[in-house]
């Protein structure tokens, strides 16, 4: 199982610098994909931020949200997030040498718990920390 960070979904379903690379990766991926339930809220937040900053309009946001919901149902295993994951993420964030943000720490805690074979992200800091946890970083 490959764990997918929300940054990949955002790039896949909106227009970003890495969108073409992500589309190519996604089209060729033949592994089971998973992410935490947290990615739903995080993806919605990214869409709202893009809309507030004028990067996308309401219509584009609505379409991306529909596509994301379809992707979740069709191609993605959504992993439950438990209190223990939040606690582990909090401990990781408190370790300032890791340089993790809360959402990234939560993704790593869930990926570790569910024994992800790899993690794909556009966030190099997240991937660096994944490697330290013995989760194979997948760069796009």
N, C-alpha and C. Protein backbone atom coordinates (compact mmCIF):
# COMPACT_ATOMS: atom_id res chain seq x y z
N UNK A 1 0.84 -1.18 0.00
CA UNK A 1 0.00 0.00 0.00
C UNK A 1 0.89 1.24 0.00
N UNK A 2 0.55 2.18 -0.88
CA UNK A 2 1.24 3.45 -0.97
C UNK A 2 0.34 4.52 -0.34
N UNK A 3 0.92 5.26 0.58
CA UNK A 3 0.19 6.33 1.25
C UNK A 3 0.34 7.61 0.41
N UNK A 4 -0.77 8.29 0.18
CA UNK A 4 -0.78 9.49 -0.66
C UNK A 4 -1.08 10.71 0.21
N UNK A 5 -0.17 11.67 0.17
CA UNK A 5 -0.34 12.93 0.88
C UNK A 5 -1.32 13.82 0.10
N UNK A 6 -2.03 14.66 0.80
CA UNK A 6 -3.03 15.53 0.19
C UNK A 6 -2.46 16.42 -0.91
N UNK A 7 -1.19 16.79 -0.79
CA UNK A 7 -0.58 17.66 -1.81
C UNK A 7 -0.68 17.04 -3.21
N UNK A 8 -0.65 15.73 -3.27
CA UNK A 8 -0.75 15.03 -4.56
C UNK A 8 -2.16 15.19 -5.14
N UNK A 9 -3.16 15.05 -4.29
CA UNK A 9 -4.54 15.19 -4.76
C UNK A 9 -4.82 16.62 -5.23
N UNK A 10 -4.29 17.59 -4.50
CA UNK A 10 -4.49 19.00 -4.87
C UNK A 10 -3.89 19.26 -6.25
N UNK A 11 -2.67 18.78 -6.45
CA UNK A 11 -2.01 18.98 -7.74
C UNK A 11 -2.71 18.21 -8.85
N UNK A 12 -3.22 17.04 -8.53
CA UNK A 12 -3.91 16.20 -9.52
C UNK A 12 -5.19 16.87 -10.01
N UNK A 13 -5.91 17.53 -9.12
CA UNK A 13 -7.25 18.01 -9.44
C UNK A 13 -7.37 19.52 -9.60
N UNK A 14 -6.26 20.23 -9.46
CA UNK A 14 -6.24 21.66 -9.74
C UNK A 14 -5.04 21.94 -10.64
N UNK A 15 -4.80 23.18 -10.93
CA UNK A 15 -3.66 23.54 -11.78
C UNK A 15 -2.50 24.02 -10.92
N UNK A 16 -1.43 23.23 -10.92
CA UNK A 16 -0.22 23.59 -10.18
C UNK A 16 0.99 23.24 -11.02
N UNK A 17 2.17 23.67 -10.56
CA UNK A 17 3.41 23.41 -11.30
C UNK A 17 3.65 21.92 -11.57
N UNK A 18 3.28 21.07 -10.64
CA UNK A 18 3.56 19.65 -10.76
C UNK A 18 2.38 18.84 -11.31
N UNK A 19 1.33 19.49 -11.75
CA UNK A 19 0.12 18.78 -12.19
C UNK A 19 0.41 17.76 -13.28
N UNK A 20 1.18 18.11 -14.29
CA UNK A 20 1.47 17.16 -15.37
C UNK A 20 2.24 15.94 -14.85
N UNK A 21 3.21 16.17 -13.98
CA UNK A 21 3.98 15.07 -13.39
C UNK A 21 3.09 14.16 -12.54
N UNK A 22 2.22 14.78 -11.75
CA UNK A 22 1.31 14.01 -10.90
C UNK A 22 0.34 13.20 -11.76
N UNK A 23 -0.20 13.81 -12.80
CA UNK A 23 -1.11 13.08 -13.70
C UNK A 23 -0.43 11.86 -14.30
N UNK A 24 0.82 12.04 -14.72
CA UNK A 24 1.58 10.93 -15.30
C UNK A 24 1.80 9.82 -14.27
N UNK A 25 2.20 10.21 -13.04
CA UNK A 25 2.40 9.23 -11.97
C UNK A 25 1.10 8.47 -11.69
N UNK A 26 0.02 9.21 -11.53
CA UNK A 26 -1.27 8.61 -11.19
C UNK A 26 -1.75 7.65 -12.29
N UNK A 27 -1.57 8.04 -13.54
CA UNK A 27 -2.01 7.20 -14.66
C UNK A 27 -1.23 5.89 -14.72
N UNK A 28 0.02 5.91 -14.27
CA UNK A 28 0.87 4.72 -14.35
C UNK A 28 0.94 3.93 -13.05
N UNK A 29 0.32 4.43 -11.99
CA UNK A 29 0.38 3.77 -10.70
C UNK A 29 -0.52 2.54 -10.69
N UNK A 30 0.05 1.40 -10.31
CA UNK A 30 -0.74 0.17 -10.26
C UNK A 30 -0.77 -0.42 -8.85
N UNK A 31 -0.43 0.38 -7.86
CA UNK A 31 -0.42 -0.09 -6.48
C UNK A 31 -1.67 0.38 -5.75
N UNK A 32 -1.98 -0.26 -4.65
CA UNK A 32 -3.09 0.15 -3.81
C UNK A 32 -2.75 1.48 -3.17
N UNK A 33 -3.65 2.45 -3.27
CA UNK A 33 -3.43 3.78 -2.72
C UNK A 33 -4.30 3.99 -1.49
N UNK A 34 -3.71 4.64 -0.50
CA UNK A 34 -4.44 4.93 0.74
C UNK A 34 -4.04 6.31 1.25
N UNK A 35 -4.92 6.88 2.04
CA UNK A 35 -4.63 8.12 2.74
C UNK A 35 -5.52 8.13 3.98
N UNK A 36 -5.22 9.02 4.89
CA UNK A 36 -6.05 9.12 6.09
C UNK A 36 -7.33 9.89 5.78
N UNK A 37 -8.32 9.71 6.62
CA UNK A 37 -9.55 10.47 6.48
C UNK A 37 -9.28 11.98 6.59
N UNK A 38 -8.17 12.34 7.23
CA UNK A 38 -7.78 13.74 7.35
C UNK A 38 -7.64 14.41 5.99
N UNK A 39 -7.28 13.65 4.97
CA UNK A 39 -7.07 14.25 3.65
C UNK A 39 -8.34 14.89 3.11
N UNK A 40 -9.49 14.45 3.55
CA UNK A 40 -10.75 15.03 3.08
C UNK A 40 -10.85 16.49 3.52
N UNK A 41 -10.62 16.73 4.81
CA UNK A 41 -10.66 18.09 5.33
C UNK A 41 -9.54 18.93 4.75
N UNK A 42 -8.35 18.34 4.64
CA UNK A 42 -7.20 19.06 4.13
C UNK A 42 -7.39 19.45 2.66
N UNK A 43 -7.99 18.56 1.87
CA UNK A 43 -8.25 18.87 0.47
C UNK A 43 -9.28 19.99 0.36
N UNK A 44 -10.34 19.93 1.15
CA UNK A 44 -11.35 20.98 1.14
C UNK A 44 -10.74 22.33 1.53
N UNK A 45 -9.84 22.31 2.51
CA UNK A 45 -9.16 23.53 2.94
C UNK A 45 -8.31 24.10 1.81
N UNK A 46 -7.62 23.25 1.08
CA UNK A 46 -6.80 23.71 -0.04
C UNK A 46 -7.66 24.35 -1.13
N UNK A 47 -8.80 23.73 -1.42
CA UNK A 47 -9.71 24.31 -2.41
C UNK A 47 -10.21 25.68 -1.96
N UNK A 48 -10.60 25.77 -0.68
CA UNK A 48 -11.12 27.03 -0.16
C UNK A 48 -10.04 28.12 -0.21
N UNK A 49 -8.80 27.76 0.13
CA UNK A 49 -7.71 28.72 0.07
C UNK A 49 -7.47 29.20 -1.36
N UNK A 50 -7.48 28.27 -2.31
CA UNK A 50 -7.29 28.64 -3.71
C UNK A 50 -8.43 29.56 -4.18
N UNK A 51 -9.62 29.31 -3.70
CA UNK A 51 -10.75 30.15 -4.10
C UNK A 51 -10.65 31.54 -3.45
N UNK A 52 -10.30 31.58 -2.17
CA UNK A 52 -10.18 32.88 -1.48
C UNK A 52 -9.08 33.74 -2.09
N UNK A 53 -8.03 33.10 -2.59
CA UNK A 53 -6.90 33.86 -3.16
C UNK A 53 -7.05 34.10 -4.66
N UNK A 54 -8.20 33.71 -5.23
CA UNK A 54 -8.47 33.99 -6.63
C UNK A 54 -7.79 33.06 -7.61
N UNK A 55 -7.22 31.94 -7.14
CA UNK A 55 -6.57 30.99 -8.03
C UNK A 55 -7.59 30.15 -8.81
N UNK A 56 -8.74 29.92 -8.19
CA UNK A 56 -9.83 29.18 -8.83
C UNK A 56 -11.14 29.86 -8.49
N UNK A 57 -12.18 29.58 -9.29
CA UNK A 57 -13.49 30.13 -8.97
C UNK A 57 -14.38 29.04 -8.36
N UNK A 58 -15.58 29.42 -7.99
CA UNK A 58 -16.51 28.49 -7.33
C UNK A 58 -16.80 27.27 -8.20
N UNK A 59 -17.00 27.49 -9.47
CA UNK A 59 -17.32 26.39 -10.39
C UNK A 59 -16.16 25.38 -10.46
N UNK A 60 -14.95 25.89 -10.57
CA UNK A 60 -13.78 25.01 -10.62
C UNK A 60 -13.66 24.24 -9.30
N UNK A 61 -13.86 24.94 -8.18
CA UNK A 61 -13.79 24.30 -6.87
C UNK A 61 -14.82 23.19 -6.74
N UNK A 62 -16.04 23.47 -7.18
CA UNK A 62 -17.11 22.46 -7.11
C UNK A 62 -16.75 21.22 -7.93
N UNK A 63 -16.21 21.44 -9.12
CA UNK A 63 -15.82 20.32 -9.99
C UNK A 63 -14.69 19.51 -9.37
N UNK A 64 -13.68 20.20 -8.84
CA UNK A 64 -12.54 19.51 -8.20
C UNK A 64 -13.02 18.70 -6.99
N UNK A 65 -13.95 19.26 -6.22
CA UNK A 65 -14.49 18.56 -5.05
C UNK A 65 -15.23 17.29 -5.48
N UNK A 66 -16.03 17.38 -6.52
CA UNK A 66 -16.73 16.20 -7.05
C UNK A 66 -15.74 15.13 -7.52
N UNK A 67 -14.71 15.57 -8.25
CA UNK A 67 -13.69 14.64 -8.75
C UNK A 67 -12.95 13.98 -7.59
N UNK A 68 -12.67 14.75 -6.55
CA UNK A 68 -11.99 14.20 -5.38
C UNK A 68 -12.85 13.15 -4.69
N UNK A 69 -14.14 13.43 -4.54
CA UNK A 69 -15.03 12.46 -3.90
C UNK A 69 -15.10 11.17 -4.72
N UNK A 70 -15.12 11.28 -6.04
CA UNK A 70 -15.11 10.11 -6.91
C UNK A 70 -13.81 9.33 -6.76
N UNK A 71 -12.69 10.05 -6.74
CA UNK A 71 -11.39 9.41 -6.56
C UNK A 71 -11.34 8.65 -5.24
N UNK A 72 -11.87 9.26 -4.18
CA UNK A 72 -11.87 8.60 -2.87
C UNK A 72 -12.68 7.31 -2.90
N UNK A 73 -13.79 7.31 -3.57
CA UNK A 73 -14.65 6.12 -3.64
C UNK A 73 -14.07 5.05 -4.55
N UNK A 74 -13.44 5.47 -5.65
CA UNK A 74 -13.01 4.54 -6.68
C UNK A 74 -11.58 4.01 -6.49
N UNK A 75 -10.66 4.89 -6.11
CA UNK A 75 -9.24 4.55 -6.17
C UNK A 75 -8.49 4.60 -4.86
N UNK A 76 -9.16 4.92 -3.77
CA UNK A 76 -8.43 5.22 -2.54
C UNK A 76 -9.05 4.51 -1.35
N UNK A 77 -8.19 3.94 -0.52
CA UNK A 77 -8.62 3.42 0.77
C UNK A 77 -8.43 4.53 1.79
N UNK A 78 -9.52 4.93 2.43
CA UNK A 78 -9.43 5.96 3.46
C UNK A 78 -9.21 5.30 4.81
N UNK A 79 -8.10 5.63 5.45
CA UNK A 79 -7.72 5.02 6.72
C UNK A 79 -8.24 5.86 7.88
N UNK A 80 -8.82 5.20 8.87
CA UNK A 80 -9.33 5.95 10.03
C UNK A 80 -8.20 6.62 10.81
N UNK A 81 -8.52 7.77 11.37
CA UNK A 81 -7.58 8.49 12.23
C UNK A 81 -8.08 8.35 13.66
N UNK A 82 -7.20 7.87 14.54
CA UNK A 82 -7.57 7.64 15.94
C UNK A 82 -6.86 8.65 16.85
N UNK A 83 -7.31 8.70 18.07
CA UNK A 83 -6.69 9.60 19.06
C UNK A 83 -5.19 9.37 19.17
N UNK A 84 -4.78 8.13 19.10
CA UNK A 84 -3.35 7.80 19.20
C UNK A 84 -2.55 8.43 18.07
N UNK A 85 -3.15 8.55 16.90
CA UNK A 85 -2.46 9.19 15.77
C UNK A 85 -2.26 10.68 16.04
N UNK A 86 -3.28 11.32 16.60
CA UNK A 86 -3.16 12.74 16.93
C UNK A 86 -2.07 12.95 17.99
N UNK A 87 -2.02 12.06 18.97
CA UNK A 87 -1.01 12.18 20.01
C UNK A 87 0.40 11.99 19.43
N UNK A 88 0.57 10.97 18.61
CA UNK A 88 1.87 10.72 17.99
C UNK A 88 2.28 11.91 17.12
N UNK A 89 1.34 12.46 16.39
CA UNK A 89 1.62 13.64 15.57
C UNK A 89 2.04 14.82 16.44
N UNK A 90 1.36 15.00 17.57
CA UNK A 90 1.71 16.10 18.48
C UNK A 90 3.13 15.95 18.99
N UNK A 91 3.52 14.76 19.36
CA UNK A 91 4.88 14.51 19.84
C UNK A 91 5.88 14.81 18.73
N UNK A 92 5.55 14.42 17.50
CA UNK A 92 6.44 14.69 16.36
C UNK A 92 6.60 16.19 16.12
N UNK A 93 5.51 16.93 16.21
CA UNK A 93 5.55 18.37 15.99
C UNK A 93 6.39 19.06 17.08
N UNK A 94 6.30 18.56 18.30
CA UNK A 94 7.08 19.14 19.39
C UNK A 94 8.58 18.94 19.22
N UNK A 95 8.96 17.93 18.44
CA UNK A 95 10.36 17.71 18.13
C UNK A 95 10.74 18.67 17.00
N UNK A 96 11.20 19.84 17.37
CA UNK A 96 11.43 20.90 16.39
C UNK A 96 12.52 20.57 15.38
N UNK A 97 13.36 19.59 15.67
CA UNK A 97 14.40 19.22 14.71
C UNK A 97 13.80 18.56 13.47
N UNK A 98 12.58 18.04 13.58
CA UNK A 98 11.92 17.39 12.44
C UNK A 98 11.33 18.41 11.47
N UNK A 99 10.96 19.58 11.97
CA UNK A 99 10.39 20.62 11.12
C UNK A 99 9.04 20.27 10.52
N UNK A 100 8.25 19.49 11.25
CA UNK A 100 6.96 19.04 10.73
C UNK A 100 5.83 19.98 11.12
N UNK A 101 4.90 20.17 10.18
CA UNK A 101 3.64 20.85 10.47
C UNK A 101 2.65 19.79 10.96
N UNK A 102 1.60 20.25 11.59
CA UNK A 102 0.63 19.33 12.22
C UNK A 102 0.05 18.32 11.23
N UNK A 103 -0.42 18.81 10.08
CA UNK A 103 -1.04 17.91 9.11
C UNK A 103 -0.07 16.86 8.58
N UNK A 104 1.17 17.27 8.33
CA UNK A 104 2.17 16.32 7.84
C UNK A 104 2.50 15.28 8.90
N UNK A 105 2.61 15.72 10.15
CA UNK A 105 2.88 14.79 11.24
C UNK A 105 1.75 13.78 11.38
N UNK A 106 0.52 14.23 11.19
CA UNK A 106 -0.63 13.32 11.26
C UNK A 106 -0.59 12.31 10.12
N UNK A 107 -0.28 12.77 8.92
CA UNK A 107 -0.14 11.84 7.79
C UNK A 107 0.91 10.78 8.08
N UNK A 108 2.05 11.20 8.61
CA UNK A 108 3.12 10.24 8.91
C UNK A 108 2.71 9.25 9.99
N UNK A 109 2.02 9.72 11.01
CA UNK A 109 1.57 8.82 12.08
C UNK A 109 0.63 7.75 11.54
N UNK A 110 -0.27 8.14 10.66
CA UNK A 110 -1.22 7.18 10.07
C UNK A 110 -0.49 6.23 9.12
N UNK A 111 0.38 6.76 8.28
CA UNK A 111 1.13 5.91 7.34
C UNK A 111 1.96 4.88 8.08
N UNK A 112 2.58 5.28 9.18
CA UNK A 112 3.39 4.37 9.98
C UNK A 112 2.52 3.29 10.62
N UNK A 113 1.42 3.71 11.20
CA UNK A 113 0.50 2.78 11.88
C UNK A 113 -0.02 1.69 10.93
N UNK A 114 -0.35 2.09 9.71
CA UNK A 114 -0.93 1.14 8.76
C UNK A 114 0.12 0.50 7.84
N UNK A 115 1.40 0.69 8.21
CA UNK A 115 2.52 0.02 7.54
C UNK A 115 2.58 0.28 6.04
N UNK A 116 2.49 1.56 5.69
CA UNK A 116 2.61 1.94 4.28
C UNK A 116 3.99 1.54 3.76
N UNK A 117 4.02 0.99 2.56
CA UNK A 117 5.30 0.60 1.94
C UNK A 117 6.02 1.81 1.40
N UNK A 118 5.27 2.85 1.10
CA UNK A 118 5.84 4.08 0.58
C UNK A 118 4.87 5.22 0.80
N UNK A 119 5.39 6.43 0.66
CA UNK A 119 4.53 7.60 0.77
C UNK A 119 4.87 8.55 -0.38
N UNK A 120 3.86 9.01 -1.07
CA UNK A 120 4.05 9.93 -2.18
C UNK A 120 3.54 11.30 -1.75
N UNK A 121 4.37 12.31 -2.01
CA UNK A 121 4.03 13.67 -1.62
C UNK A 121 4.81 14.64 -2.49
N UNK A 122 4.36 15.86 -2.53
CA UNK A 122 5.10 16.94 -3.18
C UNK A 122 5.87 17.74 -2.15
N UNK A 123 5.78 17.36 -0.89
CA UNK A 123 6.41 18.05 0.22
C UNK A 123 7.71 17.34 0.59
N UNK A 124 8.84 17.97 0.26
CA UNK A 124 10.13 17.32 0.50
C UNK A 124 10.41 17.13 1.99
N UNK A 125 9.93 18.03 2.84
CA UNK A 125 10.11 17.86 4.28
C UNK A 125 9.39 16.63 4.80
N UNK A 126 8.18 16.42 4.32
CA UNK A 126 7.42 15.23 4.70
C UNK A 126 8.13 13.97 4.23
N UNK A 127 8.63 13.99 3.00
CA UNK A 127 9.32 12.82 2.46
C UNK A 127 10.63 12.53 3.19
N UNK A 128 11.34 13.58 3.59
CA UNK A 128 12.57 13.41 4.36
C UNK A 128 12.28 12.71 5.69
N UNK A 129 11.20 13.14 6.35
CA UNK A 129 10.82 12.52 7.62
C UNK A 129 10.31 11.10 7.42
N UNK A 130 9.63 10.85 6.32
CA UNK A 130 9.17 9.49 6.03
C UNK A 130 10.36 8.55 5.91
N UNK A 131 11.39 9.00 5.23
CA UNK A 131 12.58 8.17 5.05
C UNK A 131 13.21 7.82 6.40
N UNK A 132 13.25 8.78 7.33
CA UNK A 132 13.79 8.53 8.66
C UNK A 132 12.95 7.50 9.42
N UNK A 133 11.67 7.42 9.08
CA UNK A 133 10.78 6.45 9.72
C UNK A 133 10.75 5.11 8.98
N UNK A 134 11.61 4.98 7.98
CA UNK A 134 11.71 3.76 7.19
C UNK A 134 10.50 3.52 6.28
N UNK A 135 9.86 4.63 5.88
CA UNK A 135 8.80 4.57 4.88
C UNK A 135 9.43 5.12 3.60
N UNK A 136 9.36 4.34 2.54
CA UNK A 136 10.00 4.73 1.28
C UNK A 136 9.39 6.03 0.74
N UNK A 137 10.20 7.08 0.59
CA UNK A 137 9.67 8.31 -0.01
C UNK A 137 9.56 8.18 -1.52
N UNK A 138 8.44 8.61 -2.05
CA UNK A 138 8.22 8.57 -3.49
C UNK A 138 8.10 10.00 -3.99
N UNK A 139 9.11 10.44 -4.72
CA UNK A 139 9.16 11.79 -5.25
C UNK A 139 8.51 11.81 -6.63
N UNK A 140 7.75 12.85 -6.89
CA UNK A 140 7.15 13.01 -8.23
C UNK A 140 7.85 14.18 -8.88
